[in-house]
C-alpha atoms as a PDB file:
ATOM      1  CA  MET A   1     111.828 115.927  38.963  1.00  0.00           C
ATOM      2  CA  LYS A   2     111.141 112.695  41.488  1.00  0.00           C
ATOM      3  CA  LEU A   3     113.015 114.916  44.288  1.00  0.00           C
ATOM      4  CA  LYS A   4     110.616 117.674  43.527  1.00  0.00           C
ATOM      5  CA  ARG A   5     107.455 115.330  43.674  1.00  0.00           C
ATOM      6  CA  ASN A   6     108.403 114.163  47.180  1.00  0.00           C
ATOM      7  CA  VAL A   7     109.481 117.492  48.507  1.00  0.00           C
ATOM      8  CA  ALA A   8     106.025 118.783  47.150  1.00  0.00           C
ATOM      9  CA  TRP A   9     104.520 115.524  48.810  1.00  0.00           C
ATOM     10  CA  LEU A  10     106.349 116.428  52.445  1.00  0.00           C
ATOM     11  CA  ILE A  11     104.908 119.895  52.118  1.00  0.00           C
ATOM     12  CA  CYS A  12     101.531 118.865  51.689  1.00  0.00           C
ATOM     13  CA  GLY A  13     101.985 116.172  54.391  1.00  0.00           C
ATOM     14  CA  MET A  14     102.910 118.553  57.093  1.00  0.00           C
ATOM     15  CA  ALA A  15     100.286 121.333  55.806  1.00  0.00           C
ATOM     16  CA  ALA A  16      97.600 118.610  56.799  1.00  0.00           C
ATOM     17  CA  ILE A  17      99.250 117.937  60.020  1.00  0.00           C
ATOM     18  CA  GLY A  18      99.025 121.665  60.752  1.00  0.00           C
ATOM     19  CA  CYS A  19      95.436 121.905  60.051  1.00  0.00           C
ATOM     20  CA  GLU A  20      94.492 118.851  62.153  1.00  0.00           C
ATOM     21  CA  GLU A  21      96.268 120.388  64.953  1.00  0.00           C
ATOM     22  CA  ALA A  22      94.707 123.905  64.298  1.00  0.00           C
ATOM     23  CA  GLN A  23      91.055 122.002  64.345  1.00  0.00           C
ATOM     24  CA  ARG A  24      91.675 119.552  67.320  1.00  0.00           C
ATOM     25  CA  PRO A  25      89.821 121.433  70.427  1.00  0.00           C
ATOM     26  CA  ARG A  26      92.345 122.228  73.072  1.00  0.00           C
ATOM     27  CA  GLU A  27      91.944 121.127  76.756  1.00  0.00           C
ATOM     28  CA  VAL A  28      91.684 124.356  79.053  1.00  0.00           C
ATOM     29  CA  PRO A  29      92.316 123.513  82.933  1.00  0.00           C
ATOM     30  CA  ILE A  30      89.404 124.173  85.049  1.00  0.00           C
ATOM     31  CA  ALA A  31      90.018 125.819  88.673  1.00  0.00           C
ATOM     32  CA  LYS A  32      88.150 123.818  91.579  1.00  0.00           C
ATOM     33  CA  ALA A  33      85.831 125.363  93.597  1.00  0.00           C
ATOM     34  CA  PRO A  34      86.558 125.300  96.874  1.00  0.00           C
ATOM     35  CA  ALA A  35      84.648 122.934  99.455  1.00  0.00           C
ATOM     36  CA  LEU A  36      81.495 124.507 100.652  1.00  0.00           C
ATOM     37  CA  GLU A  37      81.088 124.212 104.627  1.00  0.00           C
ATOM     38  CA  THR A  38      77.860 122.516 105.655  1.00  0.00           C
ATOM     39  CA  ALA A  39      75.411 124.361 107.844  1.00  0.00           C
ATOM     40  CA  SER A  40      76.522 122.210 110.773  1.00  0.00           C
ATOM     41  CA  GLU A  41      80.201 123.237 110.407  1.00  0.00           C
ATOM     42  CA  LEU A  42      79.809 126.752 110.310  1.00  0.00           C
ATOM     43  CA  PRO A  43      78.393 127.640 113.831  1.00  0.00           C
ATOM     44  CA  ALA A  44      81.272 125.649 115.149  1.00  0.00           C
ATOM     45  CA  LYS A  45      83.586 127.354 113.496  1.00  0.00           C
ATOM     46  CA  ARG A  46      82.417 130.883 114.166  1.00  0.00           C
ATOM     47  CA  ASN A  47      82.510 129.745 118.009  1.00  0.00           C
ATOM     48  CA  HIS A  48      86.059 128.576 117.867  1.00  0.00           C
ATOM     49  CA  GLN A  49      87.109 131.905 116.337  1.00  0.00           C
ATOM     50  CA  PRO A  50      89.594 133.694 118.989  1.00  0.00           C
ATOM     51  CA  LYS A  51      87.918 136.693 120.444  1.00  0.00           C
ATOM     52  CA  THR A  52      89.544 139.854 122.148  1.00  0.00           C
ATOM     53  CA  GLU A  53      86.763 141.432 124.296  1.00  0.00           C
ATOM     54  CA  PRO A  54      83.723 140.123 126.138  1.00  0.00           C
ATOM     55  CA  TYR A  55      80.519 139.060 123.945  1.00  0.00           C
ATOM     56  CA  ASP A  56      77.085 138.497 124.240  1.00  0.00           C
ATOM     57  CA  ALA A  57      75.447 134.785 124.184  1.00  0.00           C
ATOM     58  CA  THR A  58      71.634 134.148 124.611  1.00  0.00           C
ATOM     59  CA  VAL A  59      70.919 130.939 126.120  1.00  0.00           C
ATOM     60  CA  ALA A  60      67.555 129.632 126.721  1.00  0.00           C
ATOM     61  CA  GLY A  61      65.781 133.086 126.503  1.00  0.00           C
ATOM     62  CA  PHE A  62      68.685 135.103 128.706  1.00  0.00           C
ATOM     63  CA  LYS A  63      71.347 137.105 127.334  1.00  0.00           C
ATOM     64  CA  PHE A  64      74.760 136.660 128.870  1.00  0.00           C
ATOM     65  CA  THR A  65      78.054 138.805 128.791  1.00  0.00           C
ATOM     66  CA  VAL A  66      80.944 136.354 128.186  1.00  0.00           C
ATOM     67  CA  PRO A  67      84.502 136.645 128.806  1.00  0.00           C
ATOM     68  CA  ALA A  68      86.280 136.912 125.554  1.00  0.00           C
ATOM     69  CA  ASP A  69      88.377 133.453 125.881  1.00  0.00           C
ATOM     70  CA  TRP A  70      85.287 131.370 126.802  1.00  0.00           C
ATOM     71  CA  GLN A  71      84.370 129.362 124.173  1.00  0.00           C
ATOM     72  CA  GLU A  72      80.843 128.329 123.464  1.00  0.00           C
ATOM     73  CA  GLN A  73      80.097 124.603 122.625  1.00  0.00           C
ATOM     74  CA  PRO A  74      77.728 122.404 121.133  1.00  0.00           C
ATOM     75  CA  PRO A  75      75.880 121.054 124.553  1.00  0.00           C
ATOM     76  CA  LYS A  76      76.937 117.277 125.071  1.00  0.00           C
ATOM     77  CA  SER A  77      73.859 116.341 126.688  1.00  0.00           C
ATOM     78  CA  GLN A  78      70.169 116.823 125.888  1.00  0.00           C
ATOM     79  CA  PHE A  79      69.516 118.132 129.213  1.00  0.00           C
ATOM     80  CA  VAL A  80      71.871 120.938 128.939  1.00  0.00           C
ATOM     81  CA  LEU A  81      70.550 124.391 127.000  1.00  0.00           C
ATOM     82  CA  GLY A  82      74.016 126.056 126.593  1.00  0.00           C
ATOM     83  CA  GLU A  83      77.437 125.065 127.449  1.00  0.00           C
ATOM     84  CA  PHE A  84      81.123 127.058 127.602  1.00  0.00           C
ATOM     85  CA  SER A  85      84.586 125.470 127.737  1.00  0.00           C
ATOM     86  CA  ILE A  86      87.151 127.781 130.124  1.00  0.00           C
ATOM     87  CA  PRO A  87      90.695 127.456 129.618  1.00  0.00           C
ATOM     88  CA  GLY A  88      93.203 127.469 132.301  1.00  0.00           C
ATOM     89  CA  GLU A  89      95.556 125.419 134.308  1.00  0.00           C
ATOM     90  CA  GLY A  90      94.939 121.590 134.132  1.00  0.00           C
ATOM     91  CA  GLY A  91      91.680 122.608 132.266  1.00  0.00           C
ATOM     92  CA  PRO A  92      89.587 123.119 130.413  1.00  0.00           C
ATOM     93  CA  ALA A  93      86.451 123.694 132.881  1.00  0.00           C
ATOM     94  CA  ARG A  94      83.213 123.122 131.940  1.00  0.00           C
ATOM     95  CA  LEU A  95      80.224 125.899 132.354  1.00  0.00           C
ATOM     96  CA  THR A  96      76.557 124.390 131.626  1.00  0.00           C
ATOM     97  CA  LEU A  97      73.169 126.084 131.744  1.00  0.00           C
ATOM     98  CA  SER A  98      70.011 124.188 132.358  1.00  0.00           C
ATOM     99  CA  SER A  99      66.366 124.104 133.566  1.00  0.00           C
ATOM    100  CA  ALA A 100      64.403 121.680 135.284  1.00  0.00           C
ATOM    101  CA  GLY A 101      61.321 121.344 137.436  1.00  0.00           C
ATOM    102  CA  GLY A 102      61.490 119.804 141.014  1.00  0.00           C
ATOM    103  CA  GLY A 103      62.767 121.675 144.162  1.00  0.00           C
ATOM    104  CA  ILE A 104      65.962 123.563 144.704  1.00  0.00           C
ATOM    105  CA  GLU A 105      67.488 121.716 147.506  1.00  0.00           C
ATOM    106  CA  ALA A 106      67.443 118.220 145.786  1.00  0.00           C
ATOM    107  CA  ASN A 107      69.227 119.285 142.918  1.00  0.00           C
ATOM    108  CA  VAL A 108      71.660 121.453 145.284  1.00  0.00           C
ATOM    109  CA  GLU A 109      72.080 117.763 147.133  1.00  0.00           C
ATOM    110  CA  ARG A 110      72.915 116.114 144.125  1.00  0.00           C
ATOM    111  CA  TRP A 111      75.680 118.520 143.579  1.00  0.00           C
ATOM    112  CA  ARG A 112      76.796 117.488 147.036  1.00  0.00           C
ATOM    113  CA  GLY A 113      76.698 114.152 146.247  1.00  0.00           C
ATOM    114  CA  GLN A 114      79.013 114.394 143.476  1.00  0.00           C
ATOM    115  CA  PHE A 115      82.096 115.195 145.684  1.00  0.00           C
ATOM    116  CA  ASN A 116      84.024 113.314 148.070  1.00  0.00           C
ATOM    117  CA  PRO A 117      86.062 116.225 150.065  1.00  0.00           C
ATOM    118  CA  GLY A 118      89.736 115.594 151.343  1.00  0.00           C
ATOM    119  CA  PRO A 119      91.051 116.706 154.667  1.00  0.00           C
ATOM    120  CA  ASN A 120      92.547 119.835 153.080  1.00  0.00           C
ATOM    121  CA  ASP A 121      89.516 120.429 150.536  1.00  0.00           C
ATOM    122  CA  PRO A 122      87.516 123.903 151.536  1.00  0.00           C
ATOM    123  CA  GLU A 123      84.439 123.428 153.462  1.00  0.00           C
ATOM    124  CA  PRO A 124      81.030 123.772 151.124  1.00  0.00           C
ATOM    125  CA  ARG A 125      79.903 127.083 150.842  1.00  0.00           C
ATOM    126  CA  GLU A 126      76.569 128.755 150.035  1.00  0.00           C
ATOM    127  CA  SER A 127      75.561 132.417 149.662  1.00  0.00           C
ATOM    128  CA  GLU A 128      72.959 134.452 147.621  1.00  0.00           C
ATOM    129  CA  ILE A 129      73.317 135.476 144.172  1.00  0.00           C
ATOM    130  CA  ALA A 130      70.911 137.136 141.572  1.00  0.00           C
ATOM    131  CA  LEU A 131      69.852 136.142 138.120  1.00  0.00           C
ATOM    132  CA  ASP A 132      68.146 138.645 135.936  1.00  0.00           C
ATOM    133  CA  GLY A 133      66.530 140.052 139.569  1.00  0.00           C
ATOM    134  CA  ASN A 134      65.681 136.511 140.680  1.00  0.00           C
ATOM    135  CA  LYS A 135      67.562 135.466 143.755  1.00  0.00           C
ATOM    136  CA  GLY A 136      69.579 132.342 143.566  1.00  0.00           C
ATOM    137  CA  THR A 137      72.137 130.033 145.652  1.00  0.00           C
ATOM    138  CA  LEU A 138      75.556 130.036 144.968  1.00  0.00           C
ATOM    139  CA  VAL A 139      77.063 126.762 145.692  1.00  0.00           C
ATOM    140  CA  GLU A 140      80.723 126.292 146.247  1.00  0.00           C
ATOM    141  CA  LEU A 141      82.060 122.809 146.538  1.00  0.00           C
ATOM    142  CA  ALA A 142      85.341 120.931 146.486  1.00  0.00           C
ATOM    143  CA  GLY A 143      87.196 117.763 146.643  1.00  0.00           C
ATOM    144  CA  THR A 144      87.097 114.550 144.427  1.00  0.00           C
ATOM    145  CA  TYR A 145      84.626 114.793 141.967  1.00  0.00           C
ATOM    146  CA  THR A 146      82.564 111.960 140.127  1.00  0.00           C
ATOM    147  CA  ASP A 147      80.060 112.877 137.541  1.00  0.00           C
ATOM    148  CA  MET A 148      77.823 109.747 136.623  1.00  0.00           C
ATOM    149  CA  PHE A 149      76.749 111.332 133.265  1.00  0.00           C
ATOM    150  CA  SER A 150      80.254 111.122 132.138  1.00  0.00           C
ATOM    151  CA  GLY A 151      81.121 107.537 132.758  1.00  0.00           C
ATOM    152  CA  GLY A 152      81.817 107.948 136.457  1.00  0.00           C
ATOM    153  CA  THR A 153      85.604 108.710 136.340  1.00  0.00           C
ATOM    154  CA  PRO A 154      86.753 110.323 139.424  1.00  0.00           C
ATOM    155  CA  ASN A 155      88.645 113.795 139.015  1.00  0.00           C
ATOM    156  CA  ARG A 156      90.751 114.659 142.285  1.00  0.00           C
ATOM    157  CA  SER A 157      91.082 118.137 143.102  1.00  0.00           C
ATOM    158  CA  TRP A 158      88.328 119.644 141.587  1.00  0.00           C
ATOM    159  CA  ARG A 159      85.794 122.091 142.260  1.00  0.00           C
ATOM    160  CA  MET A 160      82.178 123.245 141.485  1.00  0.00           C
ATOM    161  CA  LEU A 161      80.466 126.583 141.433  1.00  0.00           C
ATOM    162  CA  GLY A 162      76.847 125.982 141.338  1.00  0.00           C
ATOM    163  CA  VAL A 163      73.770 128.540 140.781  1.00  0.00           C
ATOM    164  CA  ALA A 164      70.386 127.475 141.404  1.00  0.00           C
ATOM    165  CA  VAL A 165      67.622 130.054 140.609  1.00  0.00           C
ATOM    166  CA  PRO A 166      63.782 129.630 141.095  1.00  0.00           C
ATOM    167  CA  MET A 167      61.957 130.793 138.223  1.00  0.00           C
ATOM    168  CA  GLY A 168      58.354 130.050 138.338  1.00  0.00           C
ATOM    169  CA  PRO A 169      57.348 126.223 137.750  1.00  0.00           C
ATOM    170  CA  THR A 170      60.733 125.342 136.665  1.00  0.00           C
ATOM    171  CA  ASN A 171      64.521 126.378 138.124  1.00  0.00           C
ATOM    172  CA  TYR A 172      67.603 127.573 136.300  1.00  0.00           C
ATOM    173  CA  PHE A 173      70.893 126.074 137.151  1.00  0.00           C
ATOM    174  CA  VAL A 174      74.119 127.373 136.050  1.00  0.00           C
ATOM    175  CA  LYS A 175      77.237 124.989 136.961  1.00  0.00           C
ATOM    176  CA  LEU A 176      80.886 125.290 136.635  1.00  0.00           C
ATOM    177  CA  THR A 177      83.189 122.413 137.033  1.00  0.00           C
ATOM    178  CA  GLY A 178      87.092 121.866 136.622  1.00  0.00           C
ATOM    179  CA  PRO A 179      90.141 121.744 138.333  1.00  0.00           C
ATOM    180  CA  ALA A 180      90.389 123.696 141.278  1.00  0.00           C
ATOM    181  CA  ALA A 181      93.163 126.011 140.107  1.00  0.00           C
ATOM    182  CA  ILE A 182      90.849 127.186 137.036  1.00  0.00           C
ATOM    183  CA  LEU A 183      87.901 127.791 139.373  1.00  0.00           C
ATOM    184  CA  ALA A 184      89.957 129.585 142.082  1.00  0.00           C
ATOM    185  CA  ALA A 185      91.240 132.126 139.374  1.00  0.00           C
ATOM    186  CA  ARG A 186      88.021 132.167 137.549  1.00  0.00           C
ATOM    187  CA  ARG A 187      85.505 132.456 140.428  1.00  0.00           C
ATOM    188  CA  GLU A 188      85.003 136.272 140.292  1.00  0.00           C
ATOM    189  CA  GLU A 189      84.341 135.724 136.280  1.00  0.00           C
ATOM    190  CA  PHE A 190      82.051 133.364 136.894  1.00  0.00           C
ATOM    191  CA  VAL A 191      79.834 135.573 139.304  1.00  0.00           C
ATOM    192  CA  LYS A 192      79.822 138.653 137.007  1.00  0.00           C
ATOM    193  CA  PHE A 193      78.763 136.176 134.100  1.00  0.00           C
ATOM    194  CA  VAL A 194      75.593 134.912 136.187  1.00  0.00           C
ATOM    195  CA  GLU A 195      74.724 138.375 137.456  1.00  0.00           C
ATOM    196  CA  SER A 196      74.855 139.855 133.596  1.00  0.00           C
ATOM    197  CA  ALA A 197      72.028 137.775 132.895  1.00  0.00           C
ATOM    198  CA  ARG A 198      69.019 139.632 131.418  1.00  0.00           C
ATOM    199  CA  GLN A 199      66.083 138.252 129.195  1.00  0.00           C
ATOM    200  CA  SER A 200      66.492 138.631 125.623  1.00  0.00           C
ATOM    201  CA  LYS A 201      63.949 140.573 123.733  1.00  0.00           C
END
């Protein structure tokens, strides 16, 4: 009789535990949502997506046709309206677009002052070029390049392709600086880039 009573208590105890387990809420794993990209991160990510064909970019009211492997960058200076990074040997090279008042010749003289040519460097050259139907000056410089805006560190065997175009009260400047090997290989691309400019609507 005592054995039957113990068995009955055991059965009741197990049933009570089962009921408690059934009533206890189960934890359901919740999947974490992917981190959202901030507004400032999205343009930078888009700009670094590899491209396979030339693309259009608009800078300061002008649309340019850009070679596929040029990467648009956030300007490093408040005086720069647009900026591109161009890969290559010893690179990358830096292309900037800007506008300013004052005379064209004063800015070209400043460019010349940034270069210290060596005995084996090409002589400075100037030629005519057009940007959106406006005649400008293409300046080609070579030697040791020192840019005071970037700390004044001398860069040996560098070149510059600079375009200065007068446009009413302001002037438009397109400047490519970098190792000589890159600029020699990219010169024609640079000229075509400048000549592709047309006012955006």
